Amino acid sequence: MFGVDAYSFEVLVPSLIGVAAMAGVMVWAFFKVRHLMNDDQKKHH
């Protein structure tokens, strides 16, 4: 490993969690929108 002390660990981990949370929300929103669009197409046709 490359030298990670306690301070940089405390700085890196919250930012990594934030990035992972944002990515998760984007994926969730993408699937939700796609699901809604599929429902709309079924209603219209």
PDB file of N, CA and C in Angstrom:
ATOM      1  N   MET A   1       0.846  -1.208   0.000  1.00  0.00           N
ATOM      2  CA  MET A   1       0.000   0.000   0.000  1.00  0.00           C
ATOM      3  C   MET A   1       0.874   1.247   0.000  1.00  0.00           C
ATOM      4  N   PHE A   2       0.334   2.332  -0.485  1.00  0.00           N
ATOM      5  CA  PHE A   2       1.003   3.631  -0.393  1.00  0.00           C
ATOM      6  C   PHE A   2       0.601   4.267   0.930  1.00  0.00           C
ATOM      7  N   GLY A   3       1.555   4.944   1.584  1.00  0.00           N
ATOM      8  CA  GLY A   3       1.388   5.383   2.974  1.00  0.00           C
ATOM      9  C   GLY A   3       0.137   6.207   3.223  1.00  0.00           C
ATOM     10  N   VAL A   4      -0.849   5.606   3.863  1.00  0.00           N
ATOM     11  CA  VAL A   4      -2.078   6.310   4.232  1.00  0.00           C
ATOM     12  C   VAL A   4      -2.096   6.421   5.749  1.00  0.00           C
ATOM     13  N   ASP A   5      -1.927   7.643   6.252  1.00  0.00           N
ATOM     14  CA  ASP A   5      -2.007   7.832   7.698  1.00  0.00           C
ATOM     15  C   ASP A   5      -3.451   8.127   8.111  1.00  0.00           C
ATOM     16  N   ALA A   6      -3.670   8.275   9.412  1.00  0.00           N
ATOM     17  CA  ALA A   6      -5.036   8.416   9.915  1.00  0.00           C
ATOM     18  C   ALA A   6      -5.698   9.669   9.346  1.00  0.00           C
ATOM     19  N   TYR A   7      -4.937  10.762   9.208  1.00  0.00           N
ATOM     20  CA  TYR A   7      -5.553  12.008   8.729  1.00  0.00           C
ATOM     21  C   TYR A   7      -6.072  11.865   7.302  1.00  0.00           C
ATOM     22  N   SER A   8      -5.208  11.383   6.397  1.00  0.00           N
ATOM     23  CA  SER A   8      -5.649  11.262   5.009  1.00  0.00           C
ATOM     24  C   SER A   8      -6.762  10.221   4.896  1.00  0.00           C
ATOM     25  N   PHE A   9      -6.747   9.213   5.759  1.00  0.00           N
ATOM     26  CA  PHE A   9      -7.836   8.236   5.770  1.00  0.00           C
ATOM     27  C   PHE A   9      -9.150   8.918   6.126  1.00  0.00           C
ATOM     28  N   GLU A  10      -9.122   9.793   7.156  1.00  0.00           N
ATOM     29  CA  GLU A  10     -10.340  10.505   7.557  1.00  0.00           C
ATOM     30  C   GLU A  10     -10.809  11.460   6.482  1.00  0.00           C
ATOM     31  N   VAL A  11      -9.881  11.960   5.652  1.00  0.00           N
ATOM     32  CA  VAL A  11     -10.275  12.874   4.579  1.00  0.00           C
ATOM     33  C   VAL A  11     -10.788  12.104   3.367  1.00  0.00           C
ATOM     34  N   LEU A  12     -10.126  10.991   3.047  1.00  0.00           N
ATOM     35  CA  LEU A  12     -10.463  10.270   1.822  1.00  0.00           C
ATOM     36  C   LEU A  12     -11.777   9.504   1.939  1.00  0.00           C
ATOM     37  N   VAL A  13     -11.988   8.854   3.072  1.00  0.00           N
ATOM     38  CA  VAL A  13     -13.144   7.962   3.186  1.00  0.00           C
ATOM     39  C   VAL A  13     -14.468   8.714   3.004  1.00  0.00           C
ATOM     40  N   PRO A  14     -14.705   9.856   3.679  1.00  0.00           N
ATOM     41  CA  PRO A  14     -15.982  10.552   3.451  1.00  0.00           C
ATOM     42  C   PRO A  14     -16.170  10.988   1.997  1.00  0.00           C
ATOM     43  N   SER A  15     -15.096  11.415   1.336  1.00  0.00           N
ATOM     44  CA  SER A  15     -15.256  11.832  -0.055  1.00  0.00           C
ATOM     45  C   SER A  15     -15.560  10.629  -0.939  1.00  0.00           C
ATOM     46  N   LEU A  16     -14.921   9.496  -0.662  1.00  0.00           N
ATOM     47  CA  LEU A  16     -15.238   8.289  -1.435  1.00  0.00           C
ATOM     48  C   LEU A  16     -16.682   7.867  -1.209  1.00  0.00           C
ATOM     49  N   ILE A  17     -17.141   7.948   0.036  1.00  0.00           N
ATOM     50  CA  ILE A  17     -18.538   7.609   0.335  1.00  0.00           C
ATOM     51  C   ILE A  17     -19.471   8.565  -0.413  1.00  0.00           C
ATOM     52  N   GLY A  18     -19.121   9.854  -0.441  1.00  0.00           N
ATOM     53  CA  GLY A  18     -19.948  10.824  -1.161  1.00  0.00           C
ATOM     54  C   GLY A  18     -20.019  10.513  -2.643  1.00  0.00           C
ATOM     55  N   VAL A  19     -18.868  10.181  -3.235  1.00  0.00           N
ATOM     56  CA  VAL A  19     -18.861   9.847  -4.666  1.00  0.00           C
ATOM     57  C   VAL A  19     -19.689   8.594  -4.921  1.00  0.00           C
ATOM     58  N   ALA A  20     -19.535   7.589  -4.072  1.00  0.00           N
ATOM     59  CA  ALA A  20     -20.300   6.354  -4.248  1.00  0.00           C
ATOM     60  C   ALA A  20     -21.798   6.627  -4.096  1.00  0.00           C
ATOM     61  N   ALA A  21     -22.157   7.481  -3.138  1.00  0.00           N
ATOM     62  CA  ALA A  21     -23.579   7.803  -2.936  1.00  0.00           C
ATOM     63  C   ALA A  21     -24.140   8.525  -4.154  1.00  0.00           C
ATOM     64  N   MET A  22     -23.385   9.481  -4.701  1.00  0.00           N
ATOM     65  CA  MET A  22     -23.867  10.204  -5.876  1.00  0.00           C
ATOM     66  C   MET A  22     -24.009   9.260  -7.062  1.00  0.00           C
ATOM     67  N   ALA A  23     -23.049   8.353  -7.240  1.00  0.00           N
ATOM     68  CA  ALA A  23     -23.139   7.396  -8.344  1.00  0.00           C
ATOM     69  C   ALA A  23     -24.360   6.494  -8.165  1.00  0.00           C
ATOM     70  N   GLY A  24     -24.592   6.055  -6.926  1.00  0.00           N
ATOM     71  CA  GLY A  24     -25.749   5.204  -6.652  1.00  0.00           C
ATOM     72  C   GLY A  24     -27.058   5.924  -6.947  1.00  0.00           C
ATOM     73  N   VAL A  25     -27.138   7.193  -6.547  1.00  0.00           N
ATOM     74  CA  VAL A  25     -28.361   7.966  -6.810  1.00  0.00           C
ATOM     75  C   VAL A  25     -28.566   8.148  -8.303  1.00  0.00           C
ATOM     76  N   MET A  26     -27.476   8.408  -9.041  1.00  0.00           N
ATOM     77  CA  MET A  26     -27.615   8.591 -10.489  1.00  0.00           C
ATOM     78  C   MET A  26     -28.098   7.307 -11.159  1.00  0.00           C
ATOM     79  N   VAL A  27     -27.538   6.158 -10.748  1.00  0.00           N
ATOM     80  CA  VAL A  27     -27.974   4.882 -11.329  1.00  0.00           C
ATOM     81  C   VAL A  27     -29.430   4.620 -10.973  1.00  0.00           C
ATOM     82  N   TRP A  28     -29.803   4.874  -9.710  1.00  0.00           N
ATOM     83  CA  TRP A  28     -31.186   4.647  -9.274  1.00  0.00           C
ATOM     84  C   TRP A  28     -32.142   5.537 -10.064  1.00  0.00           C
ATOM     85  N   ALA A  29     -31.768   6.823 -10.221  1.00  0.00           N
ATOM     86  CA  ALA A  29     -32.633   7.748 -10.954  1.00  0.00           C
ATOM     87  C   ALA A  29     -32.751   7.321 -12.415  1.00  0.00           C
ATOM     88  N   PHE A  30     -31.636   6.846 -13.006  1.00  0.00           N
ATOM     89  CA  PHE A  30     -31.660   6.409 -14.404  1.00  0.00           C
ATOM     90  C   PHE A  30     -32.652   5.267 -14.587  1.00  0.00           C
ATOM     91  N   PHE A  31     -32.593   4.262 -13.694  1.00  0.00           N
ATOM     92  CA  PHE A  31     -33.513   3.128 -13.820  1.00  0.00           C
ATOM     93  C   PHE A  31     -34.952   3.561 -13.555  1.00  0.00           C
ATOM     94  N   LYS A  32     -35.157   4.471 -12.608  1.00  0.00           N
ATOM     95  CA  LYS A  32     -36.514   4.927 -12.292  1.00  0.00           C
ATOM     96  C   LYS A  32     -37.110   5.676 -13.477  1.00  0.00           C
ATOM     97  N   VAL A  33     -36.315   6.569 -14.090  1.00  0.00           N
ATOM     98  CA  VAL A  33     -36.814   7.316 -15.248  1.00  0.00           C
ATOM     99  C   VAL A  33     -37.097   6.367 -16.406  1.00  0.00           C
ATOM    100  N   ARG A  34     -36.177   5.406 -16.632  1.00  0.00           N
ATOM    101  CA  ARG A  34     -36.384   4.468 -17.734  1.00  0.00           C
ATOM    102  C   ARG A  34     -37.650   3.651 -17.499  1.00  0.00           C
ATOM    103  N   HIS A  35     -37.884   3.258 -16.237  1.00  0.00           N
ATOM    104  CA  HIS A  35     -39.093   2.500 -15.906  1.00  0.00           C
ATOM    105  C   HIS A  35     -40.335   3.340 -16.168  1.00  0.00           C
ATOM    106  N   LEU A  36     -40.306   4.614 -15.767  1.00  0.00           N
ATOM    107  CA  LEU A  36     -41.456   5.487 -15.998  1.00  0.00           C
ATOM    108  C   LEU A  36     -41.687   5.687 -17.491  1.00  0.00           C
ATOM    109  N   MET A  37     -40.610   5.853 -18.273  1.00  0.00           N
ATOM    110  CA  MET A  37     -40.771   6.035 -19.718  1.00  0.00           C
ATOM    111  C   MET A  37     -41.371   4.777 -20.344  1.00  0.00           C
ATOM    112  N   ASN A  38     -40.951   3.608 -19.892  1.00  0.00           N
ATOM    113  CA  ASN A  38     -41.533   2.367 -20.414  1.00  0.00           C
ATOM    114  C   ASN A  38     -43.019   2.296 -20.071  1.00  0.00           C
ATOM    115  N   ASP A  39     -43.389   2.706 -18.857  1.00  0.00           N
ATOM    116  CA  ASP A  39     -44.815   2.711 -18.487  1.00  0.00           C
ATOM    117  C   ASP A  39     -45.595   3.663 -19.375  1.00  0.00           C
ATOM    118  N   ASP A  40     -45.039   4.853 -19.651  1.00  0.00           N
ATOM    119  CA  ASP A  40     -45.735   5.817 -20.500  1.00  0.00           C
ATOM    120  C   ASP A  40     -45.944   5.246 -21.898  1.00  0.00           C
ATOM    121  N   GLN A  41     -44.932   4.591 -22.442  1.00  0.00           N
ATOM    122  CA  GLN A  41     -45.077   4.046 -23.785  1.00  0.00           C
ATOM    123  C   GLN A  41     -46.159   2.972 -23.813  1.00  0.00           C
ATOM    124  N   LYS A  42     -46.267   2.174 -22.760  1.00  0.00           N
ATOM    125  CA  LYS A  42     -47.316   1.153 -22.734  1.00  0.00           C
ATOM    126  C   LYS A  42     -48.696   1.790 -22.682  1.00  0.00           C
ATOM    127  N   LYS A  43     -48.835   2.891 -21.928  1.00  0.00           N
ATOM    128  CA  LYS A  43     -50.141   3.555 -21.850  1.00  0.00           C
ATOM    129  C   LYS A  43     -50.530   4.186 -23.176  1.00  0.00           C
ATOM    130  N   HIS A  44     -49.565   4.805 -23.882  1.00  0.00           N
ATOM    131  CA  HIS A  44     -49.897   5.537 -25.086  1.00  0.00           C
ATOM    132  C   HIS A  44     -50.258   4.598 -26.228  1.00  0.00           C
ATOM    133  N   HIS A  45     -49.623   3.443 -26.310  1.00  0.00           N
ATOM    134  CA  HIS A  45     -49.857   2.539 -27.446  1.00  0.00           C
ATOM    135  C   HIS A  45     -50.975   1.564 -27.113  1.00  0.00           C
TER     136      HIS A  45
END
